[in-house]
Amino acid sequence: MVDARVSVITNDGRHIVGVLRGFDQVVNVILEDCHERVYSTTSGVEHAPLGLYMIRGDNMCVLCSCVRRSCVRRSCVRRSCVRRRAARIRNRRRLRD
């Protein structure tokens, strides 16, 4: 997963996307070439460039890999992506039970 594009949602609700360059035993992560996605109901999604960024492990809520190119260019939390993920999770739970 190192050198992959990842998306991080922090405990305070920030959404940061960048290339994972490293991590340690307490899951502190170093992101390179990253930007913050700022969501607004009036102006849509804005990108605030951050450059090289370090996020403490205890400040992360979600860390996920952005595999699809469309998710990297647009928003990882688009409705269609969320619906597909929710359907996959429901199917996995059904198979386990």
C-alpha atoms as a PDB file:
ATOM      1  CA  MET A   1       0.000   0.000   0.000  1.00  0.00           C
ATOM      2  CA  VAL A   2       3.029   2.285   0.222  1.00  0.00           C
ATOM      3  CA  ASP A   3       3.300   4.510  -2.882  1.00  0.00           C
ATOM      4  CA  ALA A   4      -0.452   4.178  -3.440  1.00  0.00           C
ATOM      5  CA  ARG A   5      -2.951   7.010  -3.488  1.00  0.00           C
ATOM      6  CA  VAL A   6      -4.954   6.970  -0.268  1.00  0.00           C
ATOM      7  CA  SER A   7      -7.808   8.914   1.227  1.00  0.00           C
ATOM      8  CA  VAL A   8      -7.831   9.834   4.932  1.00  0.00           C
ATOM      9  CA  ILE A   9     -10.773  11.141   6.926  1.00  0.00           C
ATOM     10  CA  THR A  10      -9.665  12.620  10.225  1.00  0.00           C
ATOM     11  CA  ASN A  11     -11.542  12.722  13.521  1.00  0.00           C
ATOM     12  CA  ASP A  12     -12.416  16.370  12.967  1.00  0.00           C
ATOM     13  CA  GLY A  13     -13.973  15.590   9.557  1.00  0.00           C
ATOM     14  CA  ARG A  14     -11.215  16.696   7.186  1.00  0.00           C
ATOM     15  CA  HIS A  15     -10.807  14.685   3.979  1.00  0.00           C
ATOM     16  CA  ILE A  16      -7.188  14.468   2.805  1.00  0.00           C
ATOM     17  CA  VAL A  17      -6.008  12.641  -0.326  1.00  0.00           C
ATOM     18  CA  GLY A  18      -2.356  11.942  -1.145  1.00  0.00           C
ATOM     19  CA  VAL A  19       0.323   9.374  -1.913  1.00  0.00           C
ATOM     20  CA  LEU A  20       1.256   7.216   1.092  1.00  0.00           C
ATOM     21  CA  ARG A  21       5.025   7.412   1.607  1.00  0.00           C
ATOM     22  CA  GLY A  22       5.377   5.804   5.021  1.00  0.00           C
ATOM     23  CA  PHE A  23       3.831   4.741   8.307  1.00  0.00           C
ATOM     24  CA  ASP A  24       4.969   3.445  11.695  1.00  0.00           C
ATOM     25  CA  GLN A  25       3.781   1.098  14.445  1.00  0.00           C
ATOM     26  CA  VAL A  26       1.134   3.513  15.744  1.00  0.00           C
ATOM     27  CA  VAL A  27      -0.127   4.192  12.186  1.00  0.00           C
ATOM     28  CA  ASN A  28       1.209   7.721  11.889  1.00  0.00           C
ATOM     29  CA  VAL A  29       1.225   8.294   8.125  1.00  0.00           C
ATOM     30  CA  ILE A  30       3.236  10.487   5.782  1.00  0.00           C
ATOM     31  CA  LEU A  31       1.447  11.681   2.654  1.00  0.00           C
ATOM     32  CA  GLU A  32       3.117  13.330  -0.303  1.00  0.00           C
ATOM     33  CA  ASP A  33       1.548  15.490  -3.006  1.00  0.00           C
ATOM     34  CA  CYS A  34      -1.652  15.706  -0.984  1.00  0.00           C
ATOM     35  CA  HIS A  35      -4.609  18.016  -0.941  1.00  0.00           C
ATOM     36  CA  GLU A  36      -7.635  18.531   1.273  1.00  0.00           C
ATOM     37  CA  ARG A  37     -11.089  18.199  -0.212  1.00  0.00           C
ATOM     38  CA  VAL A  38     -13.431  20.824   1.180  1.00  0.00           C
ATOM     39  CA  TYR A  39     -17.103  20.075   0.572  1.00  0.00           C
ATOM     40  CA  SER A  40     -19.612  22.884   0.233  1.00  0.00           C
ATOM     41  CA  THR A  41     -23.292  22.872  -0.687  1.00  0.00           C
ATOM     42  CA  THR A  42     -22.935  26.103  -2.639  1.00  0.00           C
ATOM     43  CA  SER A  43     -19.614  25.728  -4.493  1.00  0.00           C
ATOM     44  CA  GLY A  44     -19.183  21.933  -4.618  1.00  0.00           C
ATOM     45  CA  VAL A  45     -15.807  20.336  -3.911  1.00  0.00           C
ATOM     46  CA  GLU A  46     -12.754  22.551  -3.554  1.00  0.00           C
ATOM     47  CA  HIS A  47      -9.149  21.317  -3.385  1.00  0.00           C
ATOM     48  CA  ALA A  48      -6.709  22.953  -0.977  1.00  0.00           C
ATOM     49  CA  PRO A  49      -3.105  21.885  -1.770  1.00  0.00           C
ATOM     50  CA  LEU A  50      -1.067  20.750   1.261  1.00  0.00           C
ATOM     51  CA  GLY A  51       2.108  19.217  -0.214  1.00  0.00           C
ATOM     52  CA  LEU A  52       3.953  16.902   2.208  1.00  0.00           C
ATOM     53  CA  TYR A  53       1.770  16.119   5.220  1.00  0.00           C
ATOM     54  CA  MET A  54       1.997  13.961   8.332  1.00  0.00           C
ATOM     55  CA  ILE A  55      -1.102  12.724  10.146  1.00  0.00           C
ATOM     56  CA  ARG A  56      -0.986  11.206  13.620  1.00  0.00           C
ATOM     57  CA  GLY A  57      -2.496   7.756  13.949  1.00  0.00           C
ATOM     58  CA  ASP A  58      -4.801   8.716  16.795  1.00  0.00           C
ATOM     59  CA  ASN A  59      -6.252  11.531  14.658  1.00  0.00           C
ATOM     60  CA  MET A  60      -7.358   9.243  11.791  1.00  0.00           C
ATOM     61  CA  CYS A  61     -10.880   7.935  11.531  1.00  0.00           C
ATOM     62  CA  VAL A  62     -10.682   6.222   8.096  1.00  0.00           C
ATOM     63  CA  LEU A  63      -7.783   5.334   5.800  1.00  0.00           C
ATOM     64  CA  CYS A  64      -8.703   3.832   2.436  1.00  0.00           C
ATOM     65  CA  SER A  65      -7.010   3.181  -0.871  1.00  0.00           C
ATOM     66  CA  CYS A  66      -8.246   5.037  -3.956  1.00  0.00           C
ATOM     67  CA  VAL A  67      -8.076   2.268  -6.523  1.00  0.00           C
ATOM     68  CA  ARG A  68     -10.333   3.575  -9.257  1.00  0.00           C
ATOM     69  CA  ARG A  69      -9.094   6.527 -11.296  1.00  0.00           C
ATOM     70  CA  SER A  70     -12.554   8.080 -11.282  1.00  0.00           C
ATOM     71  CA  CYS A  71     -12.566   8.081  -7.467  1.00  0.00           C
ATOM     72  CA  VAL A  72      -9.170   9.774  -7.398  1.00  0.00           C
ATOM     73  CA  ARG A  73     -10.221  12.519  -9.800  1.00  0.00           C
ATOM     74  CA  ARG A  74     -13.638  13.054  -8.274  1.00  0.00           C
ATOM     75  CA  SER A  75     -14.821  12.384  -4.762  1.00  0.00           C
ATOM     76  CA  CYS A  76     -14.227   9.077  -2.981  1.00  0.00           C
ATOM     77  CA  VAL A  77     -17.455   9.574  -1.132  1.00  0.00           C
ATOM     78  CA  ARG A  78     -19.686   9.992  -4.166  1.00  0.00           C
ATOM     79  CA  ARG A  79     -23.125   8.529  -3.730  1.00  0.00           C
ATOM     80  CA  SER A  80     -22.604   5.777  -6.306  1.00  0.00           C
ATOM     81  CA  CYS A  81     -19.353   4.658  -4.644  1.00  0.00           C
ATOM     82  CA  VAL A  82     -20.970   4.690  -1.226  1.00  0.00           C
ATOM     83  CA  ARG A  83     -23.942   2.688  -2.494  1.00  0.00           C
ATOM     84  CA  ARG A  84     -21.676   0.073  -4.101  1.00  0.00           C
ATOM     85  CA  ARG A  85     -19.568  -0.233  -0.958  1.00  0.00           C
ATOM     86  CA  ALA A  86     -22.668  -0.550   1.220  1.00  0.00           C
ATOM     87  CA  ALA A  87     -24.031  -3.271  -1.080  1.00  0.00           C
ATOM     88  CA  ARG A  88     -20.723  -5.178  -0.904  1.00  0.00           C
ATOM     89  CA  ILE A  89     -20.703  -4.976   2.886  1.00  0.00           C
ATOM     90  CA  ARG A  90     -24.309  -6.213   3.058  1.00  0.00           C
ATOM     91  CA  ASN A  91     -23.468  -9.127   0.759  1.00  0.00           C
ATOM     92  CA  ARG A  92     -20.420 -10.069   2.831  1.00  0.00           C
ATOM     93  CA  ARG A  93     -22.492 -10.026   6.013  1.00  0.00           C
ATOM     94  CA  ARG A  94     -25.124 -12.240   4.384  1.00  0.00           C
ATOM     95  CA  LEU A  95     -22.474 -14.727   3.298  1.00  0.00           C
ATOM     96  CA  ARG A  96     -20.971 -14.825   6.806  1.00  0.00           C
ATOM     97  CA  ASP A  97     -24.337 -15.455   8.468  1.00  0.00           C
END
